[in-house]
């Protein structure tokens, strides 16, 4: 029997970025969900500019819907004036990808960045995410990160953070 899994996703569709994902399954003999995999879905260097094909290529690297009952996904947000990062038009492609991913799976829960990570600096957030993982999850997480270029790790950290937030594990106090 195939376990019922859930995914947490940080969508990205650019050629220099990617879609981070975390895969979760029920913990054995105790309540809650455990991180059992993580990774980064990326476009090839020669990727088309056709958004539908690009989204399909990213989705093809994620888990098959028959394995997944629910996804938790970061929902991109346009920030006012000075808080903007990068070209805001890129968010249109990400929004398209979000919609394609949500349509592909049975159920999706979306979180804006401020809803799951607030204004926590990236390094602080990454340390917090690692602290919230148990020893086995941390081993899986670090093994997955070892296969991804370091400049893209933030995608996988964010996807994992979205999952931890969904399960109520991100903002609890751990070790001070």
C-alpha atoms as a PDB file:
ATOM      1  CA  UNK A   1       0.000   0.000   0.000  1.00  0.00           C
ATOM      2  CA  UNK A   2       1.307   3.449  -0.936  1.00  0.00           C
ATOM      3  CA  UNK A   3       1.313   5.913   1.976  1.00  0.00           C
ATOM      4  CA  UNK A   4      -0.767   9.032   1.608  1.00  0.00           C
ATOM      5  CA  UNK A   5       1.664  11.891   1.150  1.00  0.00           C
ATOM      6  CA  UNK A   6       1.501  15.671   1.206  1.00  0.00           C
ATOM      7  CA  UNK A   7       3.750  18.186  -0.527  1.00  0.00           C
ATOM      8  CA  UNK A   8       4.957  21.616   0.492  1.00  0.00           C
ATOM      9  CA  UNK A   9       6.021  23.796  -2.419  1.00  0.00           C
ATOM     10  CA  UNK A  10       7.916  27.030  -3.046  1.00  0.00           C
ATOM     11  CA  UNK A  11       7.092  27.731  -6.707  1.00  0.00           C
ATOM     12  CA  UNK A  12       9.675  29.160  -9.083  1.00  0.00           C
ATOM     13  CA  UNK A  13       9.806  28.916 -12.854  1.00  0.00           C
ATOM     14  CA  UNK A  14      12.838  30.923 -13.955  1.00  0.00           C
ATOM     15  CA  UNK A  15      15.833  29.372 -15.674  1.00  0.00           C
ATOM     16  CA  UNK A  16      18.093  30.476 -12.816  1.00  0.00           C
ATOM     17  CA  UNK A  17      15.718  29.382 -10.054  1.00  0.00           C
ATOM     18  CA  UNK A  18      13.433  26.451  -9.435  1.00  0.00           C
ATOM     19  CA  UNK A  19      10.516  25.010  -7.514  1.00  0.00           C
ATOM     20  CA  UNK A  20      11.501  23.728  -4.093  1.00  0.00           C
ATOM     21  CA  UNK A  21       9.461  20.901  -2.641  1.00  0.00           C
ATOM     22  CA  UNK A  22       9.156  18.871   0.532  1.00  0.00           C
ATOM     23  CA  UNK A  23       7.445  15.504   0.746  1.00  0.00           C
ATOM     24  CA  UNK A  24       5.652  14.525   3.956  1.00  0.00           C
ATOM     25  CA  UNK A  25       4.036  11.325   5.188  1.00  0.00           C
ATOM     26  CA  UNK A  26       2.322  10.307   8.442  1.00  0.00           C
ATOM     27  CA  UNK A  27       4.780   9.504  11.247  1.00  0.00           C
ATOM     28  CA  UNK A  28       4.875   5.894  12.326  1.00  0.00           C
ATOM     29  CA  UNK A  29       3.311   5.165  15.709  1.00  0.00           C
ATOM     30  CA  UNK A  30       2.757   8.837  16.612  1.00  0.00           C
ATOM     31  CA  UNK A  31       0.708  11.794  15.391  1.00  0.00           C
ATOM     32  CA  UNK A  32       1.978  14.274  12.835  1.00  0.00           C
ATOM     33  CA  UNK A  33       3.730  14.315   9.508  1.00  0.00           C
ATOM     34  CA  UNK A  34       7.404  13.595   8.813  1.00  0.00           C
ATOM     35  CA  UNK A  35       9.635  15.035   6.094  1.00  0.00           C
ATOM     36  CA  UNK A  36      10.672  12.082   3.921  1.00  0.00           C
ATOM     37  CA  UNK A  37      12.069  13.885   0.886  1.00  0.00           C
ATOM     38  CA  UNK A  38      12.915  17.265  -0.539  1.00  0.00           C
ATOM     39  CA  UNK A  39      14.267  18.613  -3.771  1.00  0.00           C
ATOM     40  CA  UNK A  40      14.279  21.166  -6.515  1.00  0.00           C
ATOM     41  CA  UNK A  41      12.418  20.977  -9.824  1.00  0.00           C
ATOM     42  CA  UNK A  42      14.259  23.012 -12.471  1.00  0.00           C
ATOM     43  CA  UNK A  43      13.937  23.932 -16.087  1.00  0.00           C
ATOM     44  CA  UNK A  44      16.653  22.808 -18.491  1.00  0.00           C
ATOM     45  CA  UNK A  45      18.932  25.502 -19.920  1.00  0.00           C
ATOM     46  CA  UNK A  46      17.237  25.237 -23.304  1.00  0.00           C
ATOM     47  CA  UNK A  47      13.720  25.593 -21.861  1.00  0.00           C
ATOM     48  CA  UNK A  48      10.995  27.043 -24.020  1.00  0.00           C
ATOM     49  CA  UNK A  49       9.390  30.393 -23.282  1.00  0.00           C
ATOM     50  CA  UNK A  50       5.921  28.786 -23.519  1.00  0.00           C
ATOM     51  CA  UNK A  51       4.541  29.012 -19.966  1.00  0.00           C
ATOM     52  CA  UNK A  52       2.290  25.981 -20.297  1.00  0.00           C
ATOM     53  CA  UNK A  53       5.216  23.787 -21.370  1.00  0.00           C
ATOM     54  CA  UNK A  54       7.465  25.236 -18.664  1.00  0.00           C
ATOM     55  CA  UNK A  55       4.855  24.581 -15.976  1.00  0.00           C
ATOM     56  CA  UNK A  56       4.347  21.057 -17.301  1.00  0.00           C
ATOM     57  CA  UNK A  57       8.068  20.384 -17.126  1.00  0.00           C
ATOM     58  CA  UNK A  58       8.223  21.549 -13.481  1.00  0.00           C
ATOM     59  CA  UNK A  59       5.101  19.584 -12.497  1.00  0.00           C
ATOM     60  CA  UNK A  60       6.535  16.488 -14.179  1.00  0.00           C
ATOM     61  CA  UNK A  61       9.378  16.524 -11.641  1.00  0.00           C
ATOM     62  CA  UNK A  62       7.005  16.561  -8.645  1.00  0.00           C
ATOM     63  CA  UNK A  63       5.227  13.547  -7.155  1.00  0.00           C
ATOM     64  CA  UNK A  64       2.388  11.943  -9.085  1.00  0.00           C
ATOM     65  CA  UNK A  65      -1.062  13.116  -7.877  1.00  0.00           C
ATOM     66  CA  UNK A  66      -2.072   9.556  -6.933  1.00  0.00           C
ATOM     67  CA  UNK A  67       0.509   9.757  -4.117  1.00  0.00           C
ATOM     68  CA  UNK A  68      -0.521  13.200  -2.887  1.00  0.00           C
ATOM     69  CA  UNK A  69      -3.699  14.113  -1.018  1.00  0.00           C
ATOM     70  CA  UNK A  70      -2.862  17.758  -0.257  1.00  0.00           C
ATOM     71  CA  UNK A  71      -0.300  20.421  -1.088  1.00  0.00           C
ATOM     72  CA  UNK A  72       0.790  23.488   0.851  1.00  0.00           C
ATOM     73  CA  UNK A  73       2.258  26.181  -1.357  1.00  0.00           C
ATOM     74  CA  UNK A  74       3.741  29.630  -0.976  1.00  0.00           C
ATOM     75  CA  UNK A  75       1.560  32.162  -2.796  1.00  0.00           C
ATOM     76  CA  UNK A  76       3.584  34.923  -4.398  1.00  0.00           C
ATOM     77  CA  UNK A  77       2.864  38.459  -3.374  1.00  0.00           C
ATOM     78  CA  UNK A  78       3.490  41.825  -5.008  1.00  0.00           C
ATOM     79  CA  UNK A  79       5.050  44.190  -2.498  1.00  0.00           C
ATOM     80  CA  UNK A  80       4.579  47.953  -2.545  1.00  0.00           C
ATOM     81  CA  UNK A  81       7.337  50.291  -3.768  1.00  0.00           C
ATOM     82  CA  UNK A  82      10.597  49.995  -1.858  1.00  0.00           C
ATOM     83  CA  UNK A  83       9.986  46.419  -0.673  1.00  0.00           C
ATOM     84  CA  UNK A  84       9.910  45.050  -4.226  1.00  0.00           C
ATOM     85  CA  UNK A  85      12.622  42.612  -5.249  1.00  0.00           C
ATOM     86  CA  UNK A  86      13.475  41.897  -8.871  1.00  0.00           C
ATOM     87  CA  UNK A  87      11.194  42.306 -11.859  1.00  0.00           C
ATOM     88  CA  UNK A  88       7.570  42.224 -10.677  1.00  0.00           C
ATOM     89  CA  UNK A  89       6.526  40.887 -14.088  1.00  0.00           C
ATOM     90  CA  UNK A  90       8.246  37.600 -13.185  1.00  0.00           C
ATOM     91  CA  UNK A  91       5.488  37.057 -10.640  1.00  0.00           C
ATOM     92  CA  UNK A  92       3.022  36.579 -13.506  1.00  0.00           C
ATOM     93  CA  UNK A  93       4.901  33.433 -14.581  1.00  0.00           C
ATOM     94  CA  UNK A  94       5.041  32.201 -10.986  1.00  0.00           C
ATOM     95  CA  UNK A  95       1.304  32.841 -10.581  1.00  0.00           C
ATOM     96  CA  UNK A  96       0.693  30.786 -13.724  1.00  0.00           C
ATOM     97  CA  UNK A  97       2.808  27.965 -12.273  1.00  0.00           C
ATOM     98  CA  UNK A  98       0.946  28.166  -8.945  1.00  0.00           C
ATOM     99  CA  UNK A  99      -2.351  27.754 -10.753  1.00  0.00           C
ATOM    100  CA  UNK A 100      -1.076  24.844 -12.824  1.00  0.00           C
ATOM    101  CA  UNK A 101       0.278  23.062  -9.735  1.00  0.00           C
ATOM    102  CA  UNK A 102      -2.916  23.680  -7.741  1.00  0.00           C
ATOM    103  CA  UNK A 103      -5.000  22.336 -10.631  1.00  0.00           C
ATOM    104  CA  UNK A 104      -2.782  19.256 -10.934  1.00  0.00           C
ATOM    105  CA  UNK A 105      -3.341  18.153  -7.335  1.00  0.00           C
ATOM    106  CA  UNK A 106      -6.608  17.476  -5.519  1.00  0.00           C
ATOM    107  CA  UNK A 107      -6.366  20.154  -2.835  1.00  0.00           C
ATOM    108  CA  UNK A 108      -4.094  23.122  -2.259  1.00  0.00           C
ATOM    109  CA  UNK A 109      -3.595  25.456   0.699  1.00  0.00           C
ATOM    110  CA  UNK A 110      -1.776  28.708  -0.129  1.00  0.00           C
ATOM    111  CA  UNK A 111       0.282  30.858   2.244  1.00  0.00           C
ATOM    112  CA  UNK A 112       1.608  34.325   1.505  1.00  0.00           C
ATOM    113  CA  UNK A 113       5.220  34.773   2.652  1.00  0.00           C
ATOM    114  CA  UNK A 114       4.174  37.018   5.538  1.00  0.00           C
ATOM    115  CA  UNK A 115       1.718  34.344   6.715  1.00  0.00           C
ATOM    116  CA  UNK A 116       4.314  31.628   7.162  1.00  0.00           C
ATOM    117  CA  UNK A 117       7.694  33.332   7.603  1.00  0.00           C
ATOM    118  CA  UNK A 118       6.922  36.952   8.363  1.00  0.00           C
ATOM    119  CA  UNK A 119       9.933  39.281   8.274  1.00  0.00           C
ATOM    120  CA  UNK A 120      12.439  36.763   9.652  1.00  0.00           C
ATOM    121  CA  UNK A 121      15.876  37.139   7.973  1.00  0.00           C
ATOM    122  CA  UNK A 122      16.805  34.242   5.669  1.00  0.00           C
ATOM    123  CA  UNK A 123      19.717  32.879   7.744  1.00  0.00           C
ATOM    124  CA  UNK A 124      17.656  33.000  10.939  1.00  0.00           C
ATOM    125  CA  UNK A 125      14.733  31.304   9.207  1.00  0.00           C
ATOM    126  CA  UNK A 126      16.965  28.560   7.783  1.00  0.00           C
ATOM    127  CA  UNK A 127      18.405  27.813  11.245  1.00  0.00           C
ATOM    128  CA  UNK A 128      14.875  27.714  12.657  1.00  0.00           C
ATOM    129  CA  UNK A 129      13.746  25.298   9.952  1.00  0.00           C
ATOM    130  CA  UNK A 130      16.637  22.946  10.700  1.00  0.00           C
ATOM    131  CA  UNK A 131      15.919  23.107  14.455  1.00  0.00           C
ATOM    132  CA  UNK A 132      12.297  22.112  13.856  1.00  0.00           C
ATOM    133  CA  UNK A 133      13.260  18.922  12.008  1.00  0.00           C
ATOM    134  CA  UNK A 134      13.882  15.769  14.041  1.00  0.00           C
ATOM    135  CA  UNK A 135      17.146  13.844  13.578  1.00  0.00           C
ATOM    136  CA  UNK A 136      15.849  11.604  10.760  1.00  0.00           C
ATOM    137  CA  UNK A 137      14.172  14.501   8.938  1.00  0.00           C
ATOM    138  CA  UNK A 138      17.328  16.596   9.208  1.00  0.00           C
ATOM    139  CA  UNK A 139      19.380  13.746   7.748  1.00  0.00           C
ATOM    140  CA  UNK A 140      16.974  13.446   4.802  1.00  0.00           C
ATOM    141  CA  UNK A 141      16.903  17.235   4.348  1.00  0.00           C
ATOM    142  CA  UNK A 142      20.690  17.627   4.321  1.00  0.00           C
ATOM    143  CA  UNK A 143      21.102  14.675   1.957  1.00  0.00           C
ATOM    144  CA  UNK A 144      18.641  16.295  -0.451  1.00  0.00           C
ATOM    145  CA  UNK A 145      20.419  19.669  -0.186  1.00  0.00           C
ATOM    146  CA  UNK A 146      23.750  18.005  -1.016  1.00  0.00           C
ATOM    147  CA  UNK A 147      22.419  17.307  -4.530  1.00  0.00           C
ATOM    148  CA  UNK A 148      21.451  20.943  -5.196  1.00  0.00           C
ATOM    149  CA  UNK A 149      23.735  23.908  -5.970  1.00  0.00           C
ATOM    150  CA  UNK A 150      24.105  26.030  -2.783  1.00  0.00           C
ATOM    151  CA  UNK A 151      22.740  29.202  -4.422  1.00  0.00           C
ATOM    152  CA  UNK A 152      19.418  27.366  -4.895  1.00  0.00           C
ATOM    153  CA  UNK A 153      19.098  25.939  -1.366  1.00  0.00           C
ATOM    154  CA  UNK A 154      16.735  28.775  -0.371  1.00  0.00           C
ATOM    155  CA  UNK A 155      13.997  27.216  -2.535  1.00  0.00           C
ATOM    156  CA  UNK A 156      14.150  23.937  -0.604  1.00  0.00           C
ATOM    157  CA  UNK A 157      14.400  25.694   2.766  1.00  0.00           C
ATOM    158  CA  UNK A 158      11.296  27.721   1.923  1.00  0.00           C
ATOM    159  CA  UNK A 159       9.343  24.673   0.732  1.00  0.00           C
ATOM    160  CA  UNK A 160      10.261  22.837   3.932  1.00  0.00           C
ATOM    161  CA  UNK A 161       9.349  25.888   6.009  1.00  0.00           C
ATOM    162  CA  UNK A 162       5.934  26.067   4.357  1.00  0.00           C
ATOM    163  CA  UNK A 163       5.356  22.436   5.366  1.00  0.00           C
ATOM    164  CA  UNK A 164       6.545  22.955   8.925  1.00  0.00           C
ATOM    165  CA  UNK A 165       4.230  25.949   9.185  1.00  0.00           C
ATOM    166  CA  UNK A 166       1.288  23.939   7.852  1.00  0.00           C
ATOM    167  CA  UNK A 167       1.845  21.318  10.560  1.00  0.00           C
ATOM    168  CA  UNK A 168       2.205  23.926  13.324  1.00  0.00           C
ATOM    169  CA  UNK A 169       5.897  23.168  13.851  1.00  0.00           C
ATOM    170  CA  UNK A 170       7.643  26.293  12.555  1.00  0.00           C
ATOM    171  CA  UNK A 171       6.826  28.925  15.152  1.00  0.00           C
ATOM    172  CA  UNK A 172       7.061  26.787  18.283  1.00  0.00           C
ATOM    173  CA  UNK A 173       9.965  27.405  20.661  1.00  0.00           C
ATOM    174  CA  UNK A 174      12.734  24.848  20.312  1.00  0.00           C
ATOM    175  CA  UNK A 175      15.878  25.147  22.404  1.00  0.00           C
ATOM    176  CA  UNK A 176      15.399  28.851  23.109  1.00  0.00           C
END
